[in-house]
Protein backbone atom coordinates (compact mmCIF):
# COMPACT_ATOMS: atom_id res chain seq x y z
CA MET A 1 0.00 0.00 0.00
CA ARG A 2 2.78 2.41 0.92
CA PHE A 3 4.56 1.66 -2.36
CA ASN A 4 1.39 2.51 -4.30
CA LEU A 5 1.06 5.79 -2.44
CA VAL A 6 4.68 6.74 -3.16
CA PHE A 7 4.29 5.75 -6.82
CA PHE A 8 1.12 7.86 -7.11
CA PHE A 9 2.86 10.85 -5.51
CA LEU A 10 5.81 10.56 -7.90
CA GLN A 11 3.47 10.42 -10.89
CA CYS A 12 1.61 13.52 -9.74
CA THR A 13 4.87 15.35 -9.11
CA SER A 14 6.25 14.46 -12.54
CA LEU A 15 3.02 15.67 -14.17
CA LEU A 16 3.33 19.01 -12.38
CA ILE A 17 6.95 19.36 -13.42
CA ALA A 18 6.05 18.52 -17.00
CA GLN A 19 3.44 21.29 -16.88
CA ASN A 20 6.00 24.09 -16.50
CA HIS A 21 5.65 25.90 -19.83
CA VAL A 22 8.18 28.70 -19.25
CA THR A 23 11.96 28.34 -19.22
CA TRP A 24 13.61 31.08 -17.16
CA SER A 25 17.10 32.52 -17.14
CA PHE A 26 18.51 35.10 -14.75
CA THR A 27 21.66 37.13 -15.43
CA TYR A 28 23.37 40.23 -14.14
CA ASP A 29 24.24 43.05 -16.56
CA ASN A 30 27.26 44.62 -14.87
CA MET A 31 27.48 47.53 -17.30
CA ASN A 32 23.95 48.78 -16.49
CA SER A 33 23.59 47.29 -12.96
CA ASN A 34 20.50 45.32 -13.97
CA ILE A 35 19.21 41.90 -13.07
CA VAL A 36 17.90 40.55 -16.38
CA ILE A 37 14.94 38.16 -16.19
CA THR A 38 14.21 36.25 -19.41
CA GLY A 39 11.41 33.77 -19.98
CA THR A 40 10.87 31.57 -23.03
CA ILE A 41 7.20 30.59 -23.22
CA ASP A 42 6.04 27.36 -24.88
CA GLU A 43 3.95 27.67 -28.04
CA GLY A 44 0.24 28.06 -27.26
CA TRP A 45 0.83 29.31 -23.70
CA HIS A 46 1.01 32.81 -22.24
CA LEU A 47 1.69 34.58 -18.97
CA TYR A 48 0.33 37.81 -17.61
CA SER A 49 2.02 41.20 -17.50
CA GLN A 50 2.45 43.39 -14.44
CA LYS A 51 0.07 45.79 -16.25
CA THR A 52 -2.83 43.37 -15.68
CA PRO A 53 -5.14 44.91 -13.05
CA ALA A 54 -4.91 43.24 -9.62
CA ASN A 55 -8.65 42.51 -9.55
CA ALA A 56 -8.74 41.03 -13.10
CA GLY A 57 -8.21 37.44 -11.94
CA PRO A 58 -4.97 36.11 -13.42
CA ILE A 59 -1.77 36.34 -11.43
CA PRO A 60 0.79 38.53 -13.21
CA VAL A 61 4.53 37.94 -13.26
CA THR A 62 6.11 39.14 -10.02
CA VAL A 63 9.85 39.36 -9.44
CA ASN A 64 10.92 39.25 -5.80
CA ILE A 65 14.50 40.00 -4.78
CA THR A 66 15.68 39.41 -1.23
CA LYS A 67 16.88 42.70 0.19
CA LYS A 68 19.99 42.26 2.25
CA ASN A 69 22.91 44.39 3.36
CA GLY A 70 24.82 45.64 0.37
CA LEU A 71 21.92 45.38 -2.10
CA LYS A 72 19.51 48.17 -2.95
CA LEU A 73 16.66 47.97 -5.47
CA ILE A 74 16.36 51.05 -7.65
CA GLY A 75 12.80 51.52 -8.83
CA LYS A 76 10.48 48.70 -9.80
CA CYS A 77 11.10 45.72 -12.02
CA GLU A 78 10.38 46.91 -15.58
CA GLU A 79 9.03 44.70 -18.34
CA LYS A 80 10.93 45.48 -21.54
CA LEU A 81 8.58 43.90 -24.08
CA GLU A 82 5.15 45.24 -24.94
CA PRO A 83 2.38 42.87 -23.79
CA HIS A 84 -0.71 42.06 -25.85
CA GLU A 85 -3.89 43.68 -24.54
CA ILE A 86 -6.95 41.43 -24.83
CA PHE A 87 -10.35 40.95 -23.25
CA ASP A 88 -10.18 37.52 -21.62
CA VAL A 89 -13.65 35.95 -21.47
CA ASN A 90 -12.43 33.44 -18.88
CA PHE A 91 -11.69 36.27 -16.44
CA ASP A 92 -14.32 38.67 -17.86
CA SER A 93 -11.66 41.35 -17.84
CA LYS A 94 -9.12 43.22 -19.92
CA VAL A 95 -5.68 41.65 -19.37
CA TYR A 96 -2.15 42.07 -20.68
CA LEU A 97 -0.19 38.99 -21.66
CA PHE A 98 3.04 37.74 -23.16
CA GLU A 99 3.38 34.94 -25.69
CA HIS A 100 6.70 33.38 -26.77
CA SER A 101 8.98 35.50 -24.57
CA TYR A 102 9.25 37.67 -21.49
CA LEU A 103 11.97 40.17 -20.61
CA ALA A 104 12.31 42.37 -17.54
CA TYR A 105 15.06 44.37 -15.82
CA GLN A 106 15.48 45.24 -12.16
CA LYS A 107 18.01 48.00 -11.58
CA ILE A 108 20.08 47.52 -8.43
CA LYS A 109 22.97 49.03 -6.54
CA ILE A 110 25.48 46.63 -5.03
CA ASN A 111 27.81 47.35 -2.11
CA ASN A 112 29.72 44.61 -0.28
CA THR A 113 27.74 41.69 -1.67
CA ASN A 114 28.31 39.22 -4.46
CA LYS A 115 25.14 37.17 -4.15
CA ILE A 116 21.63 38.04 -5.30
CA ILE A 117 18.74 35.79 -4.26
CA GLY A 118 15.19 36.04 -5.54
CA ASN A 119 12.31 34.36 -7.31
CA VAL A 120 9.82 34.90 -10.06
CA GLN A 121 6.15 34.04 -9.51
CA TYR A 122 3.72 33.66 -12.37
CA MET A 123 0.67 31.88 -13.74
CA VAL A 124 0.70 30.32 -17.19
CA CYS A 125 -2.42 29.67 -19.29
CA ASN A 126 -3.45 28.45 -22.72
CA ASP A 127 -6.82 28.73 -24.46
CA THR A 128 -8.43 26.02 -22.31
CA GLN A 129 -6.70 26.02 -18.91
CA CYS A 130 -4.60 27.89 -16.40
CA LEU A 131 -2.08 26.17 -14.19
CA PRO A 132 -1.65 27.03 -10.51
CA PRO A 133 0.84 29.80 -9.75
CA ILE A 134 4.47 28.74 -9.98
CA GLU A 135 7.47 30.11 -8.09
CA VAL A 136 10.96 29.75 -9.57
CA PRO A 137 13.88 30.65 -7.26
CA PHE A 138 17.19 32.02 -8.53
CA THR A 139 20.61 32.90 -7.17
CA LEU A 140 23.13 35.05 -9.01
CA ILE A 141 26.80 35.24 -8.04
CA ILE A 142 28.43 38.53 -9.03
CA ASN A 143 32.18 38.47 -9.69
């Protein structure tokens, strides 16, 4: 019985992992002091822009960076691509979304630190379903 339960759990976990339709990369642009957040979105899927109203329903992309001594965030995380504006009948609201790719910069000031820790939270949908919100952690080492 215990084996069956473990097997079932592993199957469910692998299905959830297989459902991640965005591949993320995180880099540091030393010349401009920016954390660069890049997402490649699977064909047929989309994620929601920060421009999407909070009460619209879908969960927009949120970048969280752990503030610690020696690291200061300058302004807000800025999306660098223009999202598509649509009326989403599933949410009965106007939303802003990205298909294919996502790009955002967070300007920072670094003093006495070489490690940046954070995460990106988002919800991905296609024409028939939305997956539960996903959180992807990242760590950048600055040389």
